[in-house]
């Protein structure tokens, strides 16, 4: 004879197996020639809010970016500093 607690535990175990597993979906990102990606550091996106800008959005992975709303280098902005080629360490060796 099954007790009420045994039946309740069995129902819980069965329903737990039936629940869908939540999976993480991968997102594929492609980069343009305007992007400034060097190496395998995590990237971030700069957005230029100037309506006359040639490049409105561009990806970069420099660890030294502070302003993500500045213009792209093609629009007169600064070129991002590449890790390992910092100007204060002797730069372009």
N, C-alpha and C. Protein backbone atom coordinates (compact mmCIF):
# COMPACT_ATOMS: atom_id res chain seq x y z
N UNK A 1 0.84 -1.17 0.00
CA UNK A 1 0.00 0.00 0.00
C UNK A 1 0.90 1.25 0.00
N UNK A 2 0.63 2.18 -0.91
CA UNK A 2 1.41 3.39 -1.03
C UNK A 2 0.84 4.49 -0.13
N UNK A 3 1.71 5.18 0.49
CA UNK A 3 1.24 6.29 1.33
C UNK A 3 1.08 7.53 0.46
N UNK A 4 0.40 8.51 0.99
CA UNK A 4 0.15 9.77 0.28
C UNK A 4 1.47 10.49 0.03
N UNK A 5 2.39 10.46 0.96
CA UNK A 5 3.67 11.13 0.79
C UNK A 5 4.50 10.50 -0.32
N UNK A 6 4.45 9.18 -0.46
CA UNK A 6 5.20 8.50 -1.51
C UNK A 6 4.66 8.88 -2.88
N UNK A 7 3.34 8.95 -3.01
CA UNK A 7 2.71 9.32 -4.28
C UNK A 7 3.04 10.77 -4.63
N UNK A 8 3.00 11.66 -3.67
CA UNK A 8 3.32 13.07 -3.91
C UNK A 8 4.78 13.22 -4.34
N UNK A 9 5.67 12.49 -3.73
CA UNK A 9 7.09 12.56 -4.09
C UNK A 9 7.31 12.02 -5.49
N UNK A 10 6.60 10.97 -5.86
CA UNK A 10 6.74 10.39 -7.20
C UNK A 10 6.24 11.37 -8.25
N UNK A 11 5.11 12.07 -7.99
CA UNK A 11 4.59 13.06 -8.94
C UNK A 11 5.58 14.20 -9.12
N UNK A 12 6.19 14.64 -8.04
CA UNK A 12 7.16 15.72 -8.12
C UNK A 12 8.37 15.30 -8.95
N UNK A 13 8.84 14.11 -8.76
CA UNK A 13 10.00 13.62 -9.50
C UNK A 13 9.70 13.50 -10.99
N UNK A 14 8.51 13.02 -11.34
CA UNK A 14 8.12 12.87 -12.74
C UNK A 14 7.96 14.23 -13.39
N UNK A 15 7.30 15.18 -12.73
CA UNK A 15 7.09 16.49 -13.32
C UNK A 15 8.41 17.26 -13.47
N UNK A 16 9.35 17.01 -12.59
CA UNK A 16 10.65 17.67 -12.69
C UNK A 16 11.40 17.21 -13.93
N UNK A 17 11.24 15.97 -14.29
CA UNK A 17 11.90 15.45 -15.50
C UNK A 17 11.28 16.02 -16.76
N UNK A 18 9.98 16.29 -16.74
CA UNK A 18 9.28 16.76 -17.92
C UNK A 18 9.53 18.24 -18.23
N UNK A 19 9.95 19.01 -17.23
CA UNK A 19 10.18 20.43 -17.46
C UNK A 19 11.28 20.62 -18.49
N UNK A 20 11.08 21.62 -19.34
CA UNK A 20 12.07 21.91 -20.35
C UNK A 20 13.30 22.52 -19.72
N UNK A 21 14.43 22.12 -20.20
CA UNK A 21 15.66 22.73 -19.74
C UNK A 21 15.86 24.04 -20.47
N UNK A 22 16.23 25.05 -19.72
CA UNK A 22 16.51 26.34 -20.33
C UNK A 22 17.93 26.30 -20.89
N UNK A 23 18.06 26.64 -22.16
CA UNK A 23 19.37 26.61 -22.78
C UNK A 23 19.77 28.03 -23.20
N UNK A 24 21.04 28.24 -23.25
CA UNK A 24 21.57 29.52 -23.68
C UNK A 24 21.72 29.47 -25.20
N UNK A 25 21.20 30.47 -25.88
CA UNK A 25 21.32 30.51 -27.34
C UNK A 25 22.52 31.35 -27.71
N UNK A 26 23.32 30.85 -28.61
CA UNK A 26 24.51 31.57 -29.05
C UNK A 26 24.12 32.60 -30.10
N UNK A 27 24.80 33.72 -30.03
CA UNK A 27 24.56 34.78 -30.99
C UNK A 27 25.84 34.97 -31.81
N UNK A 28 25.71 34.97 -33.12
CA UNK A 28 26.86 35.15 -33.99
C UNK A 28 26.98 36.61 -34.36
N UNK A 29 28.16 37.16 -34.17
CA UNK A 29 28.40 38.57 -34.48
C UNK A 29 29.45 38.64 -35.57
N UNK A 30 29.17 39.44 -36.59
CA UNK A 30 30.17 39.65 -37.64
C UNK A 30 30.66 41.09 -37.55
N UNK A 31 31.94 41.30 -37.87
CA UNK A 31 32.53 42.61 -37.76
C UNK A 31 32.79 43.19 -39.14
N UNK A 32 32.68 44.52 -39.24
CA UNK A 32 32.92 45.22 -40.50
C UNK A 32 34.38 45.67 -40.56
N UNK A 33 34.76 46.21 -41.70
CA UNK A 33 36.13 46.74 -41.84
C UNK A 33 36.30 48.01 -41.01
N UNK A 34 35.19 48.66 -40.62
CA UNK A 34 35.27 49.86 -39.79
C UNK A 34 35.51 49.55 -38.32
N UNK A 35 35.33 48.30 -37.92
CA UNK A 35 35.51 47.93 -36.52
C UNK A 35 36.99 47.88 -36.16
N UNK A 36 37.27 48.12 -34.91
CA UNK A 36 38.66 48.12 -34.43
C UNK A 36 38.85 46.98 -33.44
N UNK A 37 38.91 45.75 -33.95
CA UNK A 37 39.08 44.56 -33.13
C UNK A 37 40.49 44.02 -33.35
N UNK A 38 41.26 43.92 -32.28
CA UNK A 38 42.62 43.38 -32.34
C UNK A 38 42.77 42.40 -31.20
N UNK A 39 43.08 41.16 -31.51
CA UNK A 39 43.25 40.15 -30.48
C UNK A 39 41.92 39.53 -30.07
N UNK A 40 41.92 38.92 -28.88
CA UNK A 40 40.73 38.18 -28.45
C UNK A 40 40.11 38.74 -27.18
N UNK A 41 40.33 40.02 -26.90
CA UNK A 41 39.70 40.65 -25.73
C UNK A 41 38.20 40.81 -25.97
N UNK A 42 37.40 40.93 -24.92
CA UNK A 42 35.96 41.19 -25.10
C UNK A 42 35.75 42.55 -25.78
N UNK A 43 34.77 42.59 -26.64
CA UNK A 43 34.53 43.83 -27.39
C UNK A 43 33.36 44.62 -26.81
N UNK A 44 33.29 45.88 -27.19
CA UNK A 44 32.19 46.76 -26.83
C UNK A 44 31.83 47.58 -28.06
N UNK A 45 30.71 48.28 -28.02
CA UNK A 45 30.23 49.02 -29.19
C UNK A 45 30.22 50.50 -28.90
N UNK A 46 30.80 51.26 -29.81
CA UNK A 46 30.76 52.72 -29.76
C UNK A 46 29.60 53.17 -30.65
N UNK A 47 28.86 54.19 -30.21
CA UNK A 47 27.75 54.74 -31.01
C UNK A 47 27.94 56.24 -31.16
N UNK A 48 27.99 56.67 -32.41
CA UNK A 48 28.15 58.09 -32.71
C UNK A 48 26.76 58.68 -32.94
N UNK A 49 26.38 59.67 -32.16
CA UNK A 49 25.03 60.24 -32.24
C UNK A 49 24.95 61.41 -33.22
N UNK A 50 26.06 61.72 -33.90
CA UNK A 50 26.08 62.79 -34.88
C UNK A 50 25.37 62.30 -36.16
N UNK A 51 24.31 63.00 -36.61
CA UNK A 51 23.58 62.52 -37.79
C UNK A 51 24.41 62.60 -39.08
N UNK A 52 25.47 63.42 -39.11
CA UNK A 52 26.29 63.55 -40.31
C UNK A 52 27.46 62.57 -40.35
N UNK A 53 27.61 61.73 -39.37
CA UNK A 53 28.76 60.82 -39.28
C UNK A 53 28.68 59.74 -40.36
N UNK A 54 29.85 59.35 -40.88
CA UNK A 54 29.92 58.28 -41.88
C UNK A 54 29.67 56.92 -41.21
N UNK A 55 30.25 56.74 -40.02
CA UNK A 55 30.13 55.48 -39.29
C UNK A 55 29.34 55.76 -38.01
N UNK A 56 28.15 55.18 -37.90
CA UNK A 56 27.27 55.43 -36.75
C UNK A 56 27.57 54.51 -35.57
N UNK A 57 28.00 53.28 -35.86
CA UNK A 57 28.21 52.28 -34.81
C UNK A 57 29.42 51.44 -35.18
N UNK A 58 30.32 51.22 -34.23
CA UNK A 58 31.50 50.43 -34.51
C UNK A 58 31.96 49.71 -33.26
N UNK A 59 32.52 48.51 -33.48
CA UNK A 59 32.98 47.66 -32.38
C UNK A 59 34.46 47.91 -32.13
N UNK A 60 34.84 47.72 -30.88
CA UNK A 60 36.22 47.96 -30.46
C UNK A 60 36.50 47.05 -29.27
N UNK A 61 37.76 46.69 -29.07
CA UNK A 61 38.08 45.90 -27.89
C UNK A 61 39.29 46.47 -27.14
N UNK A 62 39.49 47.76 -27.25
CA UNK A 62 40.54 48.41 -26.48
C UNK A 62 40.10 48.51 -25.02
N UNK A 63 40.98 48.14 -24.08
CA UNK A 63 40.59 48.24 -22.67
C UNK A 63 40.66 49.67 -22.14
N UNK A 64 41.07 50.62 -22.98
CA UNK A 64 41.26 51.99 -22.53
C UNK A 64 40.16 52.95 -22.98
N UNK A 65 39.10 52.49 -23.57
CA UNK A 65 38.01 53.37 -24.02
C UNK A 65 37.20 53.84 -22.80
N UNK A 66 37.01 55.13 -22.72
CA UNK A 66 36.19 55.69 -21.64
C UNK A 66 34.89 56.26 -22.18
N UNK A 67 34.93 56.83 -23.38
CA UNK A 67 33.75 57.46 -23.97
C UNK A 67 33.27 56.61 -25.14
N UNK A 68 32.11 56.00 -25.00
CA UNK A 68 31.58 55.14 -26.06
C UNK A 68 30.65 55.89 -27.02
N UNK A 69 30.59 57.21 -26.88
CA UNK A 69 29.73 58.00 -27.76
C UNK A 69 30.54 58.91 -28.68
N UNK A 70 31.85 58.76 -28.71
CA UNK A 70 32.70 59.61 -29.54
C UNK A 70 32.67 59.18 -31.00
N UNK A 71 33.24 60.02 -31.87
CA UNK A 71 33.24 59.72 -33.30
C UNK A 71 34.25 58.63 -33.67
N UNK A 72 33.99 57.97 -34.77
CA UNK A 72 34.88 56.96 -35.33
C UNK A 72 36.13 57.65 -35.87
N UNK A 73 37.28 56.95 -35.92
CA UNK A 73 38.49 57.57 -36.47
C UNK A 73 38.31 58.12 -37.89
N UNK A 74 37.45 57.52 -38.70
CA UNK A 74 37.19 58.03 -40.05
C UNK A 74 36.44 59.37 -40.01
N UNK A 75 35.75 59.63 -38.90
CA UNK A 75 35.01 60.88 -38.73
C UNK A 75 35.78 61.89 -37.89
N UNK A 76 37.06 61.65 -37.65
CA UNK A 76 37.87 62.59 -36.90
C UNK A 76 38.10 62.22 -35.45
N UNK A 77 37.64 61.05 -35.03
CA UNK A 77 37.84 60.62 -33.65
C UNK A 77 39.22 60.01 -33.46
N UNK A 78 39.55 59.72 -32.23
CA UNK A 78 40.85 59.14 -31.91
C UNK A 78 40.87 57.65 -32.25
N UNK A 79 42.03 57.18 -32.67
CA UNK A 79 42.23 55.75 -32.90
C UNK A 79 42.36 55.08 -31.53
N UNK A 80 41.66 53.96 -31.29
CA UNK A 80 41.75 53.30 -29.98
C UNK A 80 43.17 52.80 -29.70
N UNK A 81 43.53 52.78 -28.44
CA UNK A 81 44.84 52.31 -28.02
C UNK A 81 44.80 50.79 -27.92
N UNK A 82 45.74 50.13 -28.56
CA UNK A 82 45.80 48.67 -28.56
C UNK A 82 46.62 48.22 -27.36
N UNK A 83 46.10 47.23 -26.65
CA UNK A 83 46.82 46.71 -25.49
C UNK A 83 48.14 46.08 -25.95
N UNK A 84 49.22 46.49 -25.29
CA UNK A 84 50.54 46.04 -25.66
C UNK A 84 51.29 47.06 -26.50
N UNK A 85 50.56 48.05 -27.05
CA UNK A 85 51.18 49.12 -27.83
C UNK A 85 50.83 50.48 -27.24
N UNK A 86 50.78 50.56 -25.94
CA UNK A 86 50.43 51.79 -25.26
C UNK A 86 51.52 52.84 -25.50
N UNK A 87 51.14 54.07 -25.86
CA UNK A 87 52.15 55.10 -26.13
C UNK A 87 53.00 55.42 -24.92
N UNK A 88 52.46 55.33 -23.73
CA UNK A 88 53.23 55.66 -22.52
C UNK A 88 54.21 54.55 -22.16
N UNK A 89 54.19 53.45 -22.86
CA UNK A 89 55.15 52.36 -22.62
C UNK A 89 56.14 52.19 -23.76
N UNK A 90 56.14 53.08 -24.69
CA UNK A 90 57.06 52.97 -25.82
C UNK A 90 56.34 52.64 -27.10
N UNK A 91 55.04 52.45 -27.02
CA UNK A 91 54.15 52.35 -28.17
C UNK A 91 54.54 51.44 -29.29
N UNK A 92 54.81 51.99 -30.46
CA UNK A 92 54.92 51.23 -31.71
C UNK A 92 56.26 50.52 -31.86
N UNK A 93 56.48 49.55 -31.01
CA UNK A 93 57.73 48.77 -31.10
C UNK A 93 57.57 47.65 -32.07
